[in-house]
C-alpha atoms as a PDB file:
ATOM      1  CA  MET A   1     209.873 -14.340 148.355  1.00  0.00           C
ATOM      2  CA  ALA A   2     209.267 -13.246 151.958  1.00  0.00           C
ATOM      3  CA  TYR A   3     208.242  -9.789 150.723  1.00  0.00           C
ATOM      4  CA  GLU A   4     205.678 -11.310 148.339  1.00  0.00           C
ATOM      5  CA  GLU A   5     204.229 -13.495 151.124  1.00  0.00           C
ATOM      6  CA  ALA A   6     204.007 -10.542 153.511  1.00  0.00           C
ATOM      7  CA  ARG A   7     202.340  -8.435 150.828  1.00  0.00           C
ATOM      8  CA  ALA A   8     199.803 -11.192 150.094  1.00  0.00           C
ATOM      9  CA  ALA A   9     199.028 -11.558 153.811  1.00  0.00           C
ATOM     10  CA  LEU A  10     198.469  -7.795 154.125  1.00  0.00           C
ATOM     11  CA  LEU A  11     196.201  -7.724 151.069  1.00  0.00           C
ATOM     12  CA  LEU A  12     194.165 -10.646 152.356  1.00  0.00           C
ATOM     13  CA  GLY A  13     193.842  -9.019 155.768  1.00  0.00           C
ATOM     14  CA  GLN A  14     192.681  -5.787 154.171  1.00  0.00           C
ATOM     15  CA  MET A  15     190.050  -7.645 152.119  1.00  0.00           C
ATOM     16  CA  VAL A  16     188.705  -9.333 155.259  1.00  0.00           C
ATOM     17  CA  PHE A  17     188.670  -6.013 157.137  1.00  0.00           C
ATOM     18  CA  ASP A  18     186.922  -4.206 154.261  1.00  0.00           C
ATOM     19  CA  ARG A  19     184.192  -6.840 153.893  1.00  0.00           C
ATOM     20  CA  ARG A  20     183.697  -7.080 157.665  1.00  0.00           C
ATOM     21  CA  SER A  21     183.296  -3.303 157.783  1.00  0.00           C
ATOM     22  CA  GLU A  22     180.789  -3.375 154.888  1.00  0.00           C
ATOM     23  CA  LEU A  23     178.699  -5.867 156.867  1.00  0.00           C
ATOM     24  CA  GLY A  24     178.961  -3.794 160.051  1.00  0.00           C
ATOM     25  CA  LEU A  25     180.460  -6.683 162.021  1.00  0.00           C
ATOM     26  CA  THR A  26     182.882  -6.454 164.911  1.00  0.00           C
ATOM     27  CA  GLN A  27     185.944  -8.662 164.966  1.00  0.00           C
ATOM     28  CA  ALA A  28     184.326 -10.725 167.726  1.00  0.00           C
ATOM     29  CA  GLU A  29     181.148 -11.223 165.683  1.00  0.00           C
ATOM     30  CA  LEU A  30     183.021 -12.303 162.562  1.00  0.00           C
ATOM     31  CA  ALA A  31     185.353 -14.541 164.554  1.00  0.00           C
ATOM     32  CA  ALA A  32     182.373 -16.311 166.124  1.00  0.00           C
ATOM     33  CA  ARG A  33     180.745 -16.761 162.701  1.00  0.00           C
ATOM     34  CA  ALA A  34     183.991 -18.217 161.298  1.00  0.00           C
ATOM     35  CA  GLY A  35     184.756 -20.484 164.246  1.00  0.00           C
ATOM     36  CA  MET A  36     187.894 -18.677 165.336  1.00  0.00           C
ATOM     37  CA  THR A  37     188.930 -16.366 168.145  1.00  0.00           C
ATOM     38  CA  GLN A  38     188.933 -12.578 167.979  1.00  0.00           C
ATOM     39  CA  PRO A  39     192.746 -12.432 168.499  1.00  0.00           C
ATOM     40  CA  GLN A  40     193.207 -14.856 165.571  1.00  0.00           C
ATOM     41  CA  LEU A  41     191.044 -12.650 163.371  1.00  0.00           C
ATOM     42  CA  SER A  42     192.896  -9.543 164.513  1.00  0.00           C
ATOM     43  CA  ARG A  43     196.247 -11.101 163.525  1.00  0.00           C
ATOM     44  CA  LEU A  44     194.828 -12.141 160.155  1.00  0.00           C
ATOM     45  CA  GLU A  45     193.473  -8.649 159.426  1.00  0.00           C
ATOM     46  CA  ALA A  46     196.853  -7.167 160.361  1.00  0.00           C
ATOM     47  CA  GLY A  47     198.620  -9.453 157.900  1.00  0.00           C
ATOM     48  CA  GLY A  48     200.314 -11.456 160.626  1.00  0.00           C
ATOM     49  CA  ALA A  49     198.734 -14.827 159.886  1.00  0.00           C
ATOM     50  CA  THR A  50     198.517 -17.163 156.918  1.00  0.00           C
ATOM     51  CA  PRO A  51     195.132 -18.915 156.961  1.00  0.00           C
ATOM     52  CA  THR A  52     194.525 -22.436 155.739  1.00  0.00           C
ATOM     53  CA  VAL A  53     192.157 -23.078 152.846  1.00  0.00           C
ATOM     54  CA  PRO A  54     189.474 -24.479 155.198  1.00  0.00           C
ATOM     55  CA  LEU A  55     189.693 -21.305 157.301  1.00  0.00           C
ATOM     56  CA  LEU A  56     189.417 -19.165 154.171  1.00  0.00           C
ATOM     57  CA  ALA A  57     186.276 -21.105 153.239  1.00  0.00           C
ATOM     58  CA  ARG A  58     184.780 -20.500 156.704  1.00  0.00           C
ATOM     59  CA  LEU A  59     185.676 -16.805 156.503  1.00  0.00           C
ATOM     60  CA  ALA A  60     184.073 -16.496 153.066  1.00  0.00           C
ATOM     61  CA  ALA A  61     180.862 -18.053 154.363  1.00  0.00           C
ATOM     62  CA  ALA A  62     180.939 -15.826 157.460  1.00  0.00           C
ATOM     63  CA  LEU A  63     181.499 -12.777 155.250  1.00  0.00           C
ATOM     64  CA  GLU A  64     178.632 -13.776 152.941  1.00  0.00           C
ATOM     65  CA  ALA A  65     181.112 -13.912 150.069  1.00  0.00           C
ATOM     66  CA  GLU A  66     182.447 -16.343 147.497  1.00  0.00           C
ATOM     67  CA  LEU A  67     185.958 -17.736 147.911  1.00  0.00           C
ATOM     68  CA  ASP A  68     187.867 -17.529 144.631  1.00  0.00           C
ATOM     69  CA  ILE A  69     191.265 -19.224 144.503  1.00  0.00           C
ATOM     70  CA  ALA A  70     192.970 -19.400 141.127  1.00  0.00           C
ATOM     71  CA  PHE A  71     196.310 -19.773 139.421  1.00  0.00           C
ATOM     72  CA  ARG A  72     196.758 -17.167 136.724  1.00  0.00           C
ATOM     73  CA  PRO A  73     199.757 -17.038 134.415  1.00  0.00           C
ATOM     74  CA  HIS A  74     201.994 -14.006 134.662  1.00  0.00           C
ATOM     75  CA  ASP A  75     201.689 -11.466 131.902  1.00  0.00           C
ATOM     76  CA  PRO A  76     204.302 -12.232 129.264  1.00  0.00           C
ATOM     77  CA  VAL A  77     207.189  -9.825 129.114  1.00  0.00           C
ATOM     78  CA  VAL A  78     207.258  -8.290 125.655  1.00  0.00           C
ATOM     79  CA  ALA A  79     210.451  -6.647 124.460  1.00  0.00           C
ATOM     80  CA  PRO A  80     210.005  -3.148 123.071  1.00  0.00           C
ATOM     81  CA  ALA A  81     209.979  -3.029 119.262  1.00  0.00           C
END
């Protein structure tokens, strides 16, 4: 469980970093847009923070992106024939 959470945090951080880079923003610029501090954003991008849903919404707006949160069922395990 802890591994899955750490992996999700790293993936989220990478997505924020990638989009920030696409927009040509510094961490300080994005942090200001999202109403957070640069050290908070740095921790998030490094996978060391778990943001709240309201913070994710602010980040999406600051990144000029849509926030998409969904529950998707796991792929069924099919036994080999």
